[in-house]
């Protein structure tokens, strides 16, 4: 962390946004996969039944929502760590 404070502000900001965009890209790819890929395999997934519901339905109504909520909490956690790494957290003010 101390080596980041030695960098010029413009370079720190560039690195911060680079890491931020990387995180956002990864989470959007996960969102896309969870949202659209199961639809491609819905017929095969529907052959598996969980609690009386076909797996395709279960993944669409429950599984994807769980993943989305986990993504939101992970994003908040990761951004707090990133802000602290670059001295941008609320505690640093």
N, C-alpha and C. Protein backbone atom coordinates (compact mmCIF):
# COMPACT_ATOMS: atom_id res chain seq x y z
N UNK A 1 0.83 -1.18 0.00
CA UNK A 1 0.00 0.00 0.00
C UNK A 1 0.88 1.24 0.00
N UNK A 2 2.01 1.21 0.68
CA UNK A 2 2.85 2.40 0.77
C UNK A 2 3.43 2.77 -0.59
N UNK A 3 3.66 1.77 -1.46
CA UNK A 3 4.20 2.10 -2.77
C UNK A 3 3.18 2.83 -3.64
N UNK A 4 1.89 2.62 -3.38
CA UNK A 4 0.86 3.34 -4.13
C UNK A 4 0.85 4.82 -3.79
N UNK A 5 1.16 5.15 -2.56
CA UNK A 5 1.16 6.55 -2.16
C UNK A 5 2.30 7.33 -2.81
N UNK A 6 3.32 6.62 -3.29
CA UNK A 6 4.45 7.28 -3.95
C UNK A 6 4.17 7.58 -5.42
N UNK A 7 3.13 6.96 -5.95
CA UNK A 7 2.78 7.17 -7.36
C UNK A 7 2.10 8.52 -7.55
N UNK A 8 2.24 9.11 -8.73
CA UNK A 8 1.47 10.32 -9.03
C UNK A 8 -0.03 10.04 -8.96
N UNK A 9 -0.79 11.06 -8.66
CA UNK A 9 -2.25 10.91 -8.51
C UNK A 9 -2.88 10.35 -9.78
N UNK A 10 -2.46 10.83 -10.92
CA UNK A 10 -3.04 10.35 -12.19
C UNK A 10 -2.81 8.85 -12.38
N UNK A 11 -1.62 8.38 -12.01
CA UNK A 11 -1.32 6.95 -12.15
C UNK A 11 -2.11 6.12 -11.14
N UNK A 12 -2.25 6.60 -9.93
CA UNK A 12 -3.09 5.90 -8.93
C UNK A 12 -4.52 5.81 -9.41
N UNK A 13 -5.05 6.92 -9.92
CA UNK A 13 -6.42 6.93 -10.42
C UNK A 13 -6.58 5.96 -11.59
N UNK A 14 -5.60 5.90 -12.49
CA UNK A 14 -5.67 4.99 -13.63
C UNK A 14 -5.69 3.54 -13.15
N UNK A 15 -4.83 3.21 -12.21
CA UNK A 15 -4.79 1.84 -11.68
C UNK A 15 -6.08 1.49 -10.94
N UNK A 16 -6.60 2.46 -10.18
CA UNK A 16 -7.85 2.23 -9.45
C UNK A 16 -8.97 1.91 -10.43
N UNK A 17 -9.12 2.71 -11.48
CA UNK A 17 -10.20 2.48 -12.44
C UNK A 17 -9.98 1.21 -13.24
N UNK A 18 -8.72 0.87 -13.50
CA UNK A 18 -8.43 -0.36 -14.20
C UNK A 18 -8.89 -1.57 -13.38
N UNK A 19 -8.58 -1.56 -12.09
CA UNK A 19 -9.04 -2.65 -11.22
C UNK A 19 -10.55 -2.66 -11.06
N UNK A 20 -11.15 -1.48 -10.97
CA UNK A 20 -12.60 -1.35 -10.84
C UNK A 20 -13.28 -1.93 -12.09
N UNK A 21 -12.81 -1.55 -13.27
CA UNK A 21 -13.42 -2.04 -14.51
C UNK A 21 -13.22 -3.55 -14.67
N UNK A 22 -12.09 -4.06 -14.21
CA UNK A 22 -11.86 -5.51 -14.26
C UNK A 22 -12.89 -6.23 -13.40
N UNK A 23 -13.12 -5.74 -12.19
CA UNK A 23 -14.11 -6.34 -11.30
C UNK A 23 -15.50 -6.29 -11.92
N UNK A 24 -15.87 -5.14 -12.44
CA UNK A 24 -17.19 -4.99 -13.06
C UNK A 24 -17.35 -5.93 -14.24
N UNK A 25 -16.31 -6.06 -15.06
CA UNK A 25 -16.37 -6.95 -16.22
C UNK A 25 -16.57 -8.39 -15.80
N UNK A 26 -15.83 -8.83 -14.80
CA UNK A 26 -15.97 -10.21 -14.32
C UNK A 26 -17.38 -10.46 -13.80
N UNK A 27 -17.91 -9.52 -13.01
CA UNK A 27 -19.25 -9.70 -12.46
C UNK A 27 -20.32 -9.66 -13.56
N UNK A 28 -20.13 -8.84 -14.58
CA UNK A 28 -21.10 -8.80 -15.68
C UNK A 28 -21.06 -10.09 -16.50
N UNK A 29 -19.88 -10.67 -16.67
CA UNK A 29 -19.79 -11.94 -17.38
C UNK A 29 -20.52 -13.03 -16.59
N UNK A 30 -20.33 -13.06 -15.27
CA UNK A 30 -21.06 -14.02 -14.43
C UNK A 30 -22.56 -13.79 -14.56
N UNK A 31 -22.99 -12.52 -14.50
CA UNK A 31 -24.42 -12.20 -14.64
C UNK A 31 -24.95 -12.71 -15.98
N UNK A 32 -24.21 -12.46 -17.06
CA UNK A 32 -24.64 -12.88 -18.38
C UNK A 32 -24.78 -14.40 -18.45
N UNK A 33 -23.77 -15.10 -17.95
CA UNK A 33 -23.79 -16.57 -18.00
C UNK A 33 -24.98 -17.12 -17.21
N UNK A 34 -25.19 -16.59 -16.01
CA UNK A 34 -26.29 -17.08 -15.17
C UNK A 34 -27.65 -16.73 -15.78
N UNK A 35 -27.72 -15.59 -16.48
CA UNK A 35 -29.00 -15.16 -17.06
C UNK A 35 -29.35 -15.89 -18.35
N UNK A 36 -28.36 -16.08 -19.22
CA UNK A 36 -28.68 -16.52 -20.58
C UNK A 36 -28.23 -17.94 -20.94
N UNK A 37 -27.21 -18.46 -20.31
CA UNK A 37 -26.74 -19.79 -20.69
C UNK A 37 -27.70 -20.90 -20.28
N UNK A 38 -28.30 -20.87 -19.08
CA UNK A 38 -29.25 -21.96 -18.75
C UNK A 38 -30.41 -22.08 -19.73
N UNK A 39 -30.79 -21.00 -20.36
CA UNK A 39 -31.88 -21.04 -21.34
C UNK A 39 -31.52 -21.95 -22.51
N UNK A 40 -30.23 -22.00 -22.85
CA UNK A 40 -29.79 -22.84 -23.96
C UNK A 40 -29.93 -24.32 -23.64
N UNK A 41 -29.90 -24.65 -22.35
CA UNK A 41 -29.95 -26.06 -21.93
C UNK A 41 -31.23 -26.38 -21.16
N UNK A 42 -32.28 -25.59 -21.34
CA UNK A 42 -33.48 -25.75 -20.53
C UNK A 42 -34.13 -27.12 -20.71
N UNK A 43 -34.12 -27.66 -21.90
CA UNK A 43 -34.75 -28.98 -22.11
C UNK A 43 -34.04 -30.06 -21.31
N UNK A 44 -32.72 -30.04 -21.33
CA UNK A 44 -31.95 -31.03 -20.56
C UNK A 44 -32.11 -30.79 -19.06
N UNK A 45 -32.12 -29.53 -18.67
CA UNK A 45 -32.26 -29.21 -17.24
C UNK A 45 -33.63 -29.59 -16.69
N UNK A 46 -34.64 -29.49 -17.52
CA UNK A 46 -36.00 -29.80 -17.06
C UNK A 46 -36.20 -31.28 -16.80
N UNK A 47 -35.30 -32.14 -17.25
CA UNK A 47 -35.39 -33.57 -16.95
C UNK A 47 -35.02 -33.87 -15.51
N UNK A 48 -34.37 -32.92 -14.85
CA UNK A 48 -33.99 -33.06 -13.44
C UNK A 48 -35.02 -32.31 -12.61
N UNK A 49 -35.56 -32.97 -11.58
CA UNK A 49 -36.61 -32.36 -10.76
C UNK A 49 -36.08 -32.16 -9.34
N UNK A 50 -36.28 -30.94 -8.81
CA UNK A 50 -35.89 -30.60 -7.45
C UNK A 50 -37.13 -30.08 -6.73
N UNK A 51 -37.50 -30.72 -5.65
CA UNK A 51 -38.66 -30.32 -4.85
C UNK A 51 -39.92 -30.18 -5.70
N UNK A 52 -40.05 -31.03 -6.69
CA UNK A 52 -41.24 -31.03 -7.53
C UNK A 52 -41.20 -30.05 -8.69
N UNK A 53 -40.12 -29.30 -8.82
CA UNK A 53 -39.99 -28.33 -9.91
C UNK A 53 -38.85 -28.73 -10.83
N UNK A 54 -39.03 -28.52 -12.15
CA UNK A 54 -37.93 -28.83 -13.07
C UNK A 54 -36.73 -27.91 -12.79
N UNK A 55 -35.52 -28.44 -12.96
CA UNK A 55 -34.31 -27.68 -12.65
C UNK A 55 -34.23 -26.39 -13.47
N UNK A 56 -34.68 -26.41 -14.71
CA UNK A 56 -34.67 -25.20 -15.54
C UNK A 56 -35.48 -24.08 -14.90
N UNK A 57 -36.66 -24.42 -14.40
CA UNK A 57 -37.49 -23.44 -13.70
C UNK A 57 -36.82 -22.99 -12.41
N UNK A 58 -36.29 -23.95 -11.66
CA UNK A 58 -35.65 -23.63 -10.37
C UNK A 58 -34.47 -22.69 -10.57
N UNK A 59 -33.65 -22.94 -11.59
CA UNK A 59 -32.49 -22.08 -11.84
C UNK A 59 -32.93 -20.67 -12.22
N UNK A 60 -34.01 -20.57 -12.98
CA UNK A 60 -34.49 -19.26 -13.40
C UNK A 60 -35.15 -18.49 -12.28
N UNK A 61 -35.90 -19.17 -11.43
CA UNK A 61 -36.64 -18.46 -10.41
C UNK A 61 -35.90 -18.30 -9.10
N UNK A 62 -35.00 -19.21 -8.78
CA UNK A 62 -34.31 -19.15 -7.49
C UNK A 62 -32.79 -19.01 -7.66
N UNK A 63 -32.21 -19.88 -8.44
CA UNK A 63 -30.76 -19.92 -8.56
C UNK A 63 -30.14 -18.63 -9.05
N UNK A 64 -30.73 -18.06 -10.10
CA UNK A 64 -30.16 -16.83 -10.63
C UNK A 64 -30.31 -15.67 -9.64
N UNK A 65 -31.41 -15.61 -8.92
CA UNK A 65 -31.59 -14.55 -7.93
C UNK A 65 -30.56 -14.65 -6.81
N UNK A 66 -30.27 -15.86 -6.39
CA UNK A 66 -29.27 -16.05 -5.35
C UNK A 66 -27.91 -15.57 -5.84
N UNK A 67 -27.56 -15.93 -7.06
CA UNK A 67 -26.28 -15.49 -7.62
C UNK A 67 -26.23 -13.97 -7.71
N UNK A 68 -27.31 -13.34 -8.12
CA UNK A 68 -27.32 -11.88 -8.26
C UNK A 68 -27.14 -11.19 -6.91
N UNK A 69 -27.79 -11.68 -5.88
CA UNK A 69 -27.65 -11.09 -4.54
C UNK A 69 -26.23 -11.28 -4.03
N UNK A 70 -25.67 -12.46 -4.25
CA UNK A 70 -24.28 -12.71 -3.83
C UNK A 70 -23.34 -11.76 -4.57
N UNK A 71 -23.59 -11.55 -5.86
CA UNK A 71 -22.76 -10.62 -6.63
C UNK A 71 -22.82 -9.20 -6.04
N UNK A 72 -23.98 -8.76 -5.63
CA UNK A 72 -24.11 -7.41 -5.06
C UNK A 72 -23.29 -7.29 -3.79
N UNK A 73 -23.40 -8.27 -2.90
CA UNK A 73 -22.63 -8.21 -1.66
C UNK A 73 -21.13 -8.33 -1.93
N UNK A 74 -20.75 -9.18 -2.88
CA UNK A 74 -19.33 -9.32 -3.20
C UNK A 74 -18.79 -8.01 -3.79
N UNK A 75 -19.56 -7.37 -4.66
CA UNK A 75 -19.11 -6.11 -5.25
C UNK A 75 -18.88 -5.06 -4.17
N UNK A 76 -19.79 -4.96 -3.22
CA UNK A 76 -19.62 -3.99 -2.12
C UNK A 76 -18.37 -4.32 -1.31
N UNK A 77 -18.17 -5.61 -1.00
CA UNK A 77 -16.99 -6.03 -0.24
C UNK A 77 -15.70 -5.72 -1.01
N UNK A 78 -15.67 -6.11 -2.29
CA UNK A 78 -14.47 -5.90 -3.10
C UNK A 78 -14.17 -4.42 -3.29
N UNK A 79 -15.20 -3.61 -3.47
CA UNK A 79 -14.97 -2.17 -3.65
C UNK A 79 -14.48 -1.52 -2.36
N UNK A 80 -14.96 -1.98 -1.22
CA UNK A 80 -14.44 -1.46 0.05
C UNK A 80 -12.95 -1.77 0.18
N UNK A 81 -12.55 -3.00 -0.19
CA UNK A 81 -11.14 -3.36 -0.15
C UNK A 81 -10.33 -2.53 -1.15
N UNK A 82 -10.87 -2.33 -2.34
CA UNK A 82 -10.17 -1.55 -3.37
C UNK A 82 -10.03 -0.10 -2.93
N UNK A 83 -11.09 0.46 -2.38
CA UNK A 83 -11.02 1.84 -1.89
C UNK A 83 -9.97 1.98 -0.79
N UNK A 84 -9.92 1.01 0.11
CA UNK A 84 -8.93 1.06 1.19
C UNK A 84 -7.51 0.93 0.63
N UNK A 85 -7.34 0.09 -0.37
CA UNK A 85 -6.03 -0.11 -0.99
C UNK A 85 -5.50 1.19 -1.59
N UNK A 86 -6.38 1.98 -2.18
CA UNK A 86 -5.98 3.22 -2.84
C UNK A 86 -6.20 4.45 -1.96
N UNK A 87 -6.55 4.25 -0.70
CA UNK A 87 -6.74 5.37 0.22
C UNK A 87 -7.96 6.22 -0.07
N UNK A 88 -9.00 5.58 -0.59
CA UNK A 88 -10.22 6.29 -0.96
C UNK A 88 -11.41 5.95 -0.08
N UNK A 89 -11.20 5.14 0.94
CA UNK A 89 -12.34 4.74 1.77
C UNK A 89 -12.76 5.91 2.66
N UNK A 90 -13.96 5.81 3.19
CA UNK A 90 -14.49 6.87 4.06
C UNK A 90 -13.63 7.04 5.31
N UNK A 91 -12.98 5.98 5.74
CA UNK A 91 -12.15 6.05 6.94
C UNK A 91 -10.87 6.84 6.69
N UNK A 92 -10.49 6.99 5.43
CA UNK A 92 -9.25 7.71 5.09
C UNK A 92 -9.43 9.21 5.03
N UNK A 93 -10.63 9.68 5.18
CA UNK A 93 -10.88 11.13 5.03
C UNK A 93 -10.76 11.84 6.33
